[in-house]
ModelCIF file with pLDDT and N, C-alpha, C, O atoms, coordinates in Angstrom:
data_MODEL
#
_entry.id   MODEL 
#
_entity.id                         1 
_entity.type                       polymer 
_entity.pdbx_number_of_molecules   1 
#
_entity_poly.entity_id                      1 
_entity_poly.type                           'polypeptide(L)' 
_entity_poly.nstd_linkage                   no 
_entity_poly.nstd_monomer                   no 
_entity_poly.pdbx_seq_one_letter_code       LLQAGVDTTVIALWLGHAGVRSTDAYVHADMTIKEQAL 
_entity_poly.pdbx_seq_one_letter_code_can   LLQAGVDTTVIALWLGHAGVRSTDAYVHADMTIKEQAL 
_entity_poly.pdbx_strand_id                 A 
#
loop_
_entity_poly_seq.entity_id 
_entity_poly_seq.num 
_entity_poly_seq.mon_id 
_entity_poly_seq.hetero 
1 1  LEU n 
1 2  LEU n 
1 3  GLN n 
1 4  ALA n 
1 5  GLY n 
1 6  VAL n 
1 7  ASP n 
1 8  THR n 
1 9  THR n 
1 10 VAL n 
1 11 ILE n 
1 12 ALA n 
1 13 LEU n 
1 14 TRP n 
1 15 LEU n 
1 16 GLY n 
1 17 HIS n 
1 18 ALA n 
1 19 GLY n 
1 20 VAL n 
1 21 ARG n 
1 22 SER n 
1 23 THR n 
1 24 ASP n 
1 25 ALA n 
1 26 TYR n 
1 27 VAL n 
1 28 HIS n 
1 29 ALA n 
1 30 ASP n 
1 31 MET n 
1 32 THR n 
1 33 ILE n 
1 34 LYS n 
1 35 GLU n 
1 36 GLN n 
1 37 ALA n 
1 38 LEU n 
#
_struct_asym.id          A 
_struct_asym.entity_id   1 
#
loop_
_ma_qa_metric.id 
_ma_qa_metric.mode 
_ma_qa_metric.name 
_ma_qa_metric.software_group_id 
_ma_qa_metric.type 
1 global pLDDT . pLDDT 
2 local  pLDDT . pLDDT 
#
_ma_qa_metric_global.metric_id      1 
_ma_qa_metric_global.metric_value   77.26 
_ma_qa_metric_global.model_id       1 
_ma_qa_metric_global.ordinal_id     1 
#
loop_
_ma_qa_metric_local.label_asym_id 
_ma_qa_metric_local.label_comp_id 
_ma_qa_metric_local.label_seq_id 
_ma_qa_metric_local.metric_id 
_ma_qa_metric_local.metric_value 
_ma_qa_metric_local.model_id 
_ma_qa_metric_local.ordinal_id 
A LEU 1  2 81.00 1 1  
A LEU 2  2 78.00 1 2  
A GLN 3  2 79.00 1 3  
A ALA 4  2 85.00 1 4  
A GLY 5  2 83.00 1 5  
A VAL 6  2 86.00 1 6  
A ASP 7  2 83.00 1 7  
A THR 8  2 80.00 1 8  
A THR 9  2 81.00 1 9  
A VAL 10 2 85.00 1 10 
A ILE 11 2 82.00 1 11 
A ALA 12 2 81.00 1 12 
A LEU 13 2 82.00 1 13 
A TRP 14 2 81.00 1 14 
A LEU 15 2 81.00 1 15 
A GLY 16 2 82.00 1 16 
A HIS 17 2 76.00 1 17 
A ALA 18 2 75.00 1 18 
A GLY 19 2 75.00 1 19 
A VAL 20 2 74.00 1 20 
A ARG 21 2 77.00 1 21 
A SER 22 2 74.00 1 22 
A THR 23 2 73.00 1 23 
A ASP 24 2 72.00 1 24 
A ALA 25 2 72.00 1 25 
A TYR 26 2 71.00 1 26 
A VAL 27 2 70.00 1 27 
A HIS 28 2 68.00 1 28 
A ALA 29 2 68.00 1 29 
A ASP 30 2 71.00 1 30 
A MET 31 2 76.00 1 31 
A THR 32 2 77.00 1 32 
A ILE 33 2 73.00 1 33 
A LYS 34 2 75.00 1 34 
A GLU 35 2 79.00 1 35 
A GLN 36 2 77.00 1 36 
A ALA 37 2 77.00 1 37 
A LEU 38 2 76.00 1 38 
#
loop_
_atom_site.group_PDB 
_atom_site.id 
_atom_site.type_symbol 
_atom_site.label_atom_id 
_atom_site.label_alt_id 
_atom_site.label_comp_id 
_atom_site.label_asym_id 
_atom_site.label_entity_id 
_atom_site.label_seq_id 
_atom_site.pdbx_PDB_ins_code 
_atom_site.Cartn_x 
_atom_site.Cartn_y 
_atom_site.Cartn_z 
_atom_site.occupancy 
_atom_site.B_iso_or_equiv 
_atom_site.pdbx_formal_charge 
_atom_site.auth_seq_id 
_atom_site.auth_comp_id 
_atom_site.auth_asym_id 
_atom_site.auth_atom_id 
_atom_site.pdbx_PDB_model_num 
ATOM 1   N N  . LEU A 1 1  ? -62.498 98.720  31.918 1.00 81.00 ? 1  LEU A N  1 
ATOM 2   C CA . LEU A 1 1  ? -62.372 98.518  30.416 1.00 81.00 ? 1  LEU A CA 1 
ATOM 3   C C  . LEU A 1 1  ? -61.993 99.706  29.646 1.00 81.00 ? 1  LEU A C  1 
ATOM 4   O O  . LEU A 1 1  ? -61.231 99.572  28.688 1.00 81.00 ? 1  LEU A O  1 
ATOM 5   N N  . LEU A 1 2  ? -62.460 100.874 29.979 1.00 78.00 ? 2  LEU A N  1 
ATOM 6   C CA . LEU A 1 2  ? -62.161 102.061 29.324 1.00 78.00 ? 2  LEU A CA 1 
ATOM 7   C C  . LEU A 1 2  ? -60.660 102.478 29.705 1.00 78.00 ? 2  LEU A C  1 
ATOM 8   O O  . LEU A 1 2  ? -59.872 102.911 28.863 1.00 78.00 ? 2  LEU A O  1 
ATOM 9   N N  . GLN A 1 3  ? -60.364 102.314 30.979 1.00 79.00 ? 3  GLN A N  1 
ATOM 10  C CA . GLN A 1 3  ? -59.081 102.732 31.364 1.00 79.00 ? 3  GLN A CA 1 
ATOM 11  C C  . GLN A 1 3  ? -57.906 101.625 30.829 1.00 79.00 ? 3  GLN A C  1 
ATOM 12  O O  . GLN A 1 3  ? -56.717 101.942 30.870 1.00 79.00 ? 3  GLN A O  1 
ATOM 13  N N  . ALA A 1 4  ? -58.285 100.475 30.390 1.00 85.00 ? 4  ALA A N  1 
ATOM 14  C CA . ALA A 1 4  ? -57.445 99.547  29.811 1.00 85.00 ? 4  ALA A CA 1 
ATOM 15  C C  . ALA A 1 4  ? -57.320 99.670  28.392 1.00 85.00 ? 4  ALA A C  1 
ATOM 16  O O  . ALA A 1 4  ? -56.626 98.917  27.708 1.00 85.00 ? 4  ALA A O  1 
ATOM 17  N N  . GLY A 1 5  ? -58.040 100.686 27.927 1.00 83.00 ? 5  GLY A N  1 
ATOM 18  C CA . GLY A 1 5  ? -58.030 101.027 26.405 1.00 83.00 ? 5  GLY A CA 1 
ATOM 19  C C  . GLY A 1 5  ? -58.920 100.323 25.457 1.00 83.00 ? 5  GLY A C  1 
ATOM 20  O O  . GLY A 1 5  ? -58.763 100.422 24.240 1.00 83.00 ? 5  GLY A O  1 
ATOM 21  N N  . VAL A 1 6  ? -59.908 99.571  26.032 1.00 86.00 ? 6  VAL A N  1 
ATOM 22  C CA . VAL A 1 6  ? -60.859 98.921  25.108 1.00 86.00 ? 6  VAL A CA 1 
ATOM 23  C C  . VAL A 1 6  ? -61.791 100.003 24.479 1.00 86.00 ? 6  VAL A C  1 
ATOM 24  O O  . VAL A 1 6  ? -62.333 100.906 25.115 1.00 86.00 ? 6  VAL A O  1 
ATOM 25  N N  . ASP A 1 7  ? -61.893 99.795  23.216 1.00 83.00 ? 7  ASP A N  1 
ATOM 26  C CA . ASP A 1 7  ? -62.707 100.575 22.379 1.00 83.00 ? 7  ASP A CA 1 
ATOM 27  C C  . ASP A 1 7  ? -64.188 100.747 22.788 1.00 83.00 ? 7  ASP A C  1 
ATOM 28  O O  . ASP A 1 7  ? -64.837 99.726  23.019 1.00 83.00 ? 7  ASP A O  1 
ATOM 29  N N  . THR A 1 8  ? -64.748 101.912 22.890 1.00 80.00 ? 8  THR A N  1 
ATOM 30  C CA . THR A 1 8  ? -66.019 102.086 23.219 1.00 80.00 ? 8  THR A CA 1 
ATOM 31  C C  . THR A 1 8  ? -67.100 101.421 22.396 1.00 80.00 ? 8  THR A C  1 
ATOM 32  O O  . THR A 1 8  ? -68.217 101.188 22.859 1.00 80.00 ? 8  THR A O  1 
ATOM 33  N N  . THR A 1 9  ? -66.743 101.130 21.191 1.00 81.00 ? 9  THR A N  1 
ATOM 34  C CA . THR A 1 9  ? -67.575 100.399 20.363 1.00 81.00 ? 9  THR A CA 1 
ATOM 35  C C  . THR A 1 9  ? -67.660 98.892  20.788 1.00 81.00 ? 9  THR A C  1 
ATOM 36  O O  . THR A 1 9  ? -68.698 98.251  20.624 1.00 81.00 ? 9  THR A O  1 
ATOM 37  N N  . VAL A 1 10 ? -66.637 98.401  21.286 1.00 85.00 ? 10 VAL A N  1 
ATOM 38  C CA . VAL A 1 10 ? -66.663 96.937  21.693 1.00 85.00 ? 10 VAL A CA 1 
ATOM 39  C C  . VAL A 1 10 ? -67.347 96.888  22.930 1.00 85.00 ? 10 VAL A C  1 
ATOM 40  O O  . VAL A 1 10 ? -68.041 95.901  23.177 1.00 85.00 ? 10 VAL A O  1 
ATOM 41  N N  . ILE A 1 11 ? -67.234 97.948  23.860 1.00 82.00 ? 11 ILE A N  1 
ATOM 42  C CA . ILE A 1 11 ? -67.891 97.900  25.245 1.00 82.00 ? 11 ILE A CA 1 
ATOM 43  C C  . ILE A 1 11 ? -69.311 97.928  24.955 1.00 82.00 ? 11 ILE A C  1 
ATOM 44  O O  . ILE A 1 11 ? -70.055 97.163  25.570 1.00 82.00 ? 11 ILE A O  1 
ATOM 45  N N  . ALA A 1 12 ? -69.808 98.799  24.006 1.00 81.00 ? 12 ALA A N  1 
ATOM 46  C CA . ALA A 1 12 ? -71.238 99.037  23.699 1.00 81.00 ? 12 ALA A CA 1 
ATOM 47  C C  . ALA A 1 12 ? -71.846 97.584  23.085 1.00 81.00 ? 12 ALA A C  1 
ATOM 48  O O  . ALA A 1 12 ? -72.964 97.191  23.418 1.00 81.00 ? 12 ALA A O  1 
ATOM 49  N N  . LEU A 1 13 ? -71.171 96.994  22.353 1.00 82.00 ? 13 LEU A N  1 
ATOM 50  C CA . LEU A 1 13 ? -71.591 95.696  21.829 1.00 82.00 ? 13 LEU A CA 1 
ATOM 51  C C  . LEU A 1 13 ? -71.631 94.677  23.068 1.00 82.00 ? 13 LEU A C  1 
ATOM 52  O O  . LEU A 1 13 ? -72.629 93.965  23.182 1.00 82.00 ? 13 LEU A O  1 
ATOM 53  N N  . TRP A 1 14 ? -70.724 94.590  23.880 1.00 81.00 ? 14 TRP A N  1 
ATOM 54  C CA . TRP A 1 14 ? -70.713 93.685  25.053 1.00 81.00 ? 14 TRP A CA 1 
ATOM 55  C C  . TRP A 1 14 ? -71.937 93.932  25.860 1.00 81.00 ? 14 TRP A C  1 
ATOM 56  O O  . TRP A 1 14 ? -72.564 92.969  26.299 1.00 81.00 ? 14 TRP A O  1 
ATOM 57  N N  . LEU A 1 15 ? -72.327 95.161  26.088 1.00 81.00 ? 15 LEU A N  1 
ATOM 58  C CA . LEU A 1 15 ? -73.306 95.597  27.057 1.00 81.00 ? 15 LEU A CA 1 
ATOM 59  C C  . LEU A 1 15 ? -74.559 95.520  26.394 1.00 81.00 ? 15 LEU A C  1 
ATOM 60  O O  . LEU A 1 15 ? -75.572 95.755  27.052 1.00 81.00 ? 15 LEU A O  1 
ATOM 61  N N  . GLY A 1 16 ? -74.658 95.182  25.014 1.00 82.00 ? 16 GLY A N  1 
ATOM 62  C CA . GLY A 1 16 ? -76.003 95.140  24.355 1.00 82.00 ? 16 GLY A CA 1 
ATOM 63  C C  . GLY A 1 16 ? -76.550 96.381  23.963 1.00 82.00 ? 16 GLY A C  1 
ATOM 64  O O  . GLY A 1 16 ? -77.718 96.394  23.574 1.00 82.00 ? 16 GLY A O  1 
ATOM 65  N N  . HIS A 1 17 ? -75.811 97.559  24.006 1.00 76.00 ? 17 HIS A N  1 
ATOM 66  C CA . HIS A 1 17 ? -76.246 98.911  23.789 1.00 76.00 ? 17 HIS A CA 1 
ATOM 67  C C  . HIS A 1 17 ? -76.759 99.111  22.195 1.00 76.00 ? 17 HIS A C  1 
ATOM 68  O O  . HIS A 1 17 ? -76.110 98.606  21.279 1.00 76.00 ? 17 HIS A O  1 
ATOM 69  N N  . ALA A 1 18 ? -77.725 99.727  22.000 1.00 75.00 ? 18 ALA A N  1 
ATOM 70  C CA . ALA A 1 18 ? -78.200 99.870  20.685 1.00 75.00 ? 18 ALA A CA 1 
ATOM 71  C C  . ALA A 1 18 ? -77.128 100.692 19.688 1.00 75.00 ? 18 ALA A C  1 
ATOM 72  O O  . ALA A 1 18 ? -77.019 100.550 18.470 1.00 75.00 ? 18 ALA A O  1 
ATOM 73  N N  . GLY A 1 19 ? -76.412 101.540 20.511 1.00 75.00 ? 19 GLY A N  1 
ATOM 74  C CA . GLY A 1 19 ? -75.439 102.364 19.782 1.00 75.00 ? 19 GLY A CA 1 
ATOM 75  C C  . GLY A 1 19 ? -74.236 102.778 20.537 1.00 75.00 ? 19 GLY A C  1 
ATOM 76  O O  . GLY A 1 19 ? -74.290 102.623 21.757 1.00 75.00 ? 19 GLY A O  1 
ATOM 77  N N  . VAL A 1 20 ? -73.137 103.288 20.013 1.00 74.00 ? 20 VAL A N  1 
ATOM 78  C CA . VAL A 1 20 ? -71.911 103.618 20.690 1.00 74.00 ? 20 VAL A CA 1 
ATOM 79  C C  . VAL A 1 20 ? -72.219 104.831 21.591 1.00 74.00 ? 20 VAL A C  1 
ATOM 80  O O  . VAL A 1 20 ? -71.638 104.999 22.663 1.00 74.00 ? 20 VAL A O  1 
ATOM 81  N N  . ARG A 1 21 ? -73.198 105.703 21.089 1.00 77.00 ? 21 ARG A N  1 
ATOM 82  C CA . ARG A 1 21 ? -73.395 106.953 21.810 1.00 77.00 ? 21 ARG A CA 1 
ATOM 83  C C  . ARG A 1 21 ? -73.891 106.790 23.353 1.00 77.00 ? 21 ARG A C  1 
ATOM 84  O O  . ARG A 1 21 ? -73.743 107.693 24.176 1.00 77.00 ? 21 ARG A O  1 
ATOM 85  N N  . SER A 1 22 ? -74.459 105.614 23.635 1.00 74.00 ? 22 SER A N  1 
ATOM 86  C CA . SER A 1 22 ? -75.014 105.292 24.935 1.00 74.00 ? 22 SER A CA 1 
ATOM 87  C C  . SER A 1 22 ? -73.788 105.157 25.895 1.00 74.00 ? 22 SER A C  1 
ATOM 88  O O  . SER A 1 22 ? -73.958 105.355 27.098 1.00 74.00 ? 22 SER A O  1 
ATOM 89  N N  . THR A 1 23 ? -72.594 104.834 25.415 1.00 73.00 ? 23 THR A N  1 
ATOM 90  C CA . THR A 1 23 ? -71.397 104.672 26.269 1.00 73.00 ? 23 THR A CA 1 
ATOM 91  C C  . THR A 1 23 ? -70.761 106.061 26.456 1.00 73.00 ? 23 THR A C  1 
ATOM 92  O O  . THR A 1 23 ? -69.852 106.111 27.285 1.00 73.00 ? 23 THR A O  1 
ATOM 93  N N  . ASP A 1 24 ? -71.057 107.067 25.891 1.00 72.00 ? 24 ASP A N  1 
ATOM 94  C CA . ASP A 1 24 ? -70.457 108.389 25.910 1.00 72.00 ? 24 ASP A CA 1 
ATOM 95  C C  . ASP A 1 24 ? -70.382 108.913 27.246 1.00 72.00 ? 24 ASP A C  1 
ATOM 96  O O  . ASP A 1 24 ? -69.399 109.545 27.633 1.00 72.00 ? 24 ASP A O  1 
ATOM 97  N N  . ALA A 1 25 ? -71.432 108.662 27.998 1.00 72.00 ? 25 ALA A N  1 
ATOM 98  C CA . ALA A 1 25 ? -71.605 109.185 29.569 1.00 72.00 ? 25 ALA A CA 1 
ATOM 99  C C  . ALA A 1 25 ? -70.469 108.636 30.329 1.00 72.00 ? 25 ALA A C  1 
ATOM 100 O O  . ALA A 1 25 ? -69.864 109.349 31.130 1.00 72.00 ? 25 ALA A O  1 
ATOM 101 N N  . TYR A 1 26 ? -70.135 107.363 30.115 1.00 71.00 ? 26 TYR A N  1 
ATOM 102 C CA . TYR A 1 26 ? -69.002 106.874 30.837 1.00 71.00 ? 26 TYR A CA 1 
ATOM 103 C C  . TYR A 1 26 ? -67.618 107.414 30.580 1.00 71.00 ? 26 TYR A C  1 
ATOM 104 O O  . TYR A 1 26 ? -66.749 107.546 31.442 1.00 71.00 ? 26 TYR A O  1 
ATOM 105 N N  . VAL A 1 27 ? -67.504 107.722 29.262 1.00 70.00 ? 27 VAL A N  1 
ATOM 106 C CA . VAL A 1 27 ? -66.211 108.358 28.671 1.00 70.00 ? 27 VAL A CA 1 
ATOM 107 C C  . VAL A 1 27 ? -66.127 109.808 29.439 1.00 70.00 ? 27 VAL A C  1 
ATOM 108 O O  . VAL A 1 27 ? -65.087 110.164 29.993 1.00 70.00 ? 27 VAL A O  1 
ATOM 109 N N  . HIS A 1 28 ? -67.263 110.575 29.421 1.00 68.00 ? 28 HIS A N  1 
ATOM 110 C CA . HIS A 1 28 ? -67.149 111.856 29.915 1.00 68.00 ? 28 HIS A CA 1 
ATOM 111 C C  . HIS A 1 28 ? -67.087 111.950 31.507 1.00 68.00 ? 28 HIS A C  1 
ATOM 112 O O  . HIS A 1 28 ? -66.683 112.960 32.084 1.00 68.00 ? 28 HIS A O  1 
ATOM 113 N N  . ALA A 1 29 ? -67.509 110.846 32.135 1.00 68.00 ? 29 ALA A N  1 
ATOM 114 C CA . ALA A 1 29 ? -67.383 110.868 33.610 1.00 68.00 ? 29 ALA A CA 1 
ATOM 115 C C  . ALA A 1 29 ? -66.014 110.494 34.124 1.00 68.00 ? 29 ALA A C  1 
ATOM 116 O O  . ALA A 1 29 ? -65.662 110.873 35.241 1.00 68.00 ? 29 ALA A O  1 
ATOM 117 N N  . ASP A 1 30 ? -65.267 109.802 33.391 1.00 71.00 ? 30 ASP A N  1 
ATOM 118 C CA . ASP A 1 30 ? -64.040 109.375 33.948 1.00 71.00 ? 30 ASP A CA 1 
ATOM 119 C C  . ASP A 1 30 ? -62.927 110.517 33.711 1.00 71.00 ? 30 ASP A C  1 
ATOM 120 O O  . ASP A 1 30 ? -62.633 110.968 32.603 1.00 71.00 ? 30 ASP A O  1 
ATOM 121 N N  . MET A 1 31 ? -62.348 110.916 34.960 1.00 76.00 ? 31 MET A N  1 
ATOM 122 C CA . MET A 1 31 ? -61.419 111.967 34.881 1.00 76.00 ? 31 MET A CA 1 
ATOM 123 C C  . MET A 1 31 ? -59.972 111.452 34.479 1.00 76.00 ? 31 MET A C  1 
ATOM 124 O O  . MET A 1 31 ? -59.081 112.196 34.069 1.00 76.00 ? 31 MET A O  1 
ATOM 125 N N  . THR A 1 32 ? -59.864 110.164 34.640 1.00 77.00 ? 32 THR A N  1 
ATOM 126 C CA . THR A 1 32 ? -58.583 109.481 34.415 1.00 77.00 ? 32 THR A CA 1 
ATOM 127 C C  . THR A 1 32 ? -58.326 109.590 32.867 1.00 77.00 ? 32 THR A C  1 
ATOM 128 O O  . THR A 1 32 ? -57.275 109.983 32.362 1.00 77.00 ? 32 THR A O  1 
ATOM 129 N N  . ILE A 1 33 ? -59.516 109.158 32.157 1.00 73.00 ? 33 ILE A N  1 
ATOM 130 C CA . ILE A 1 33 ? -59.319 109.219 30.740 1.00 73.00 ? 33 ILE A CA 1 
ATOM 131 C C  . ILE A 1 33 ? -59.067 110.602 30.209 1.00 73.00 ? 33 ILE A C  1 
ATOM 132 O O  . ILE A 1 33 ? -58.299 110.779 29.264 1.00 73.00 ? 33 ILE A O  1 
ATOM 133 N N  . LYS A 1 34 ? -59.757 111.667 30.852 1.00 75.00 ? 34 LYS A N  1 
ATOM 134 C CA . LYS A 1 34 ? -59.529 113.053 30.361 1.00 75.00 ? 34 LYS A CA 1 
ATOM 135 C C  . LYS A 1 34 ? -58.043 113.394 30.601 1.00 75.00 ? 34 LYS A C  1 
ATOM 136 O O  . LYS A 1 34 ? -57.385 113.993 29.750 1.00 75.00 ? 34 LYS A O  1 
ATOM 137 N N  . GLU A 1 35 ? -57.539 112.998 31.780 1.00 79.00 ? 35 GLU A N  1 
ATOM 138 C CA . GLU A 1 35 ? -56.126 113.499 32.075 1.00 79.00 ? 35 GLU A CA 1 
ATOM 139 C C  . GLU A 1 35 ? -55.222 112.832 31.229 1.00 79.00 ? 35 GLU A C  1 
ATOM 140 O O  . GLU A 1 35 ? -54.241 113.461 30.833 1.00 79.00 ? 35 GLU A O  1 
ATOM 141 N N  . GLN A 1 36 ? -55.400 111.581 30.860 1.00 77.00 ? 36 GLN A N  1 
ATOM 142 C CA . GLN A 1 36 ? -54.479 110.817 29.854 1.00 77.00 ? 36 GLN A CA 1 
ATOM 143 C C  . GLN A 1 36 ? -54.607 111.516 28.444 1.00 77.00 ? 36 GLN A C  1 
ATOM 144 O O  . GLN A 1 36 ? -53.601 111.674 27.753 1.00 77.00 ? 36 GLN A O  1 
ATOM 145 N N  . ALA A 1 37 ? -55.740 111.896 28.061 1.00 77.00 ? 37 ALA A N  1 
ATOM 146 C CA . ALA A 1 37 ? -55.878 112.563 26.713 1.00 77.00 ? 37 ALA A CA 1 
ATOM 147 C C  . ALA A 1 37 ? -55.223 113.864 26.663 1.00 77.00 ? 37 ALA A C  1 
ATOM 148 O O  . ALA A 1 37 ? -54.562 114.228 25.691 1.00 77.00 ? 37 ALA A O  1 
ATOM 149 N N  . LEU A 1 38 ? -55.441 114.693 27.905 1.00 76.00 ? 38 LEU A N  1 
ATOM 150 C CA . LEU A 1 38 ? -54.644 115.970 27.932 1.00 76.00 ? 38 LEU A CA 1 
ATOM 151 C C  . LEU A 1 38 ? -53.170 115.796 28.097 1.00 76.00 ? 38 LEU A C  1 
ATOM 152 O O  . LEU A 1 38 ? -52.432 116.782 28.131 1.00 76.00 ? 38 LEU A O  1 
#
């Protein structure tokens, strides 16, 4: 979902997370997203 460009806010809501910050670990762990940003 992250690689497809789905916003982390939407993912957090779908997963039932209390806040967006709980999805931050996934973003920081994905090297593909980091390389695309760079």
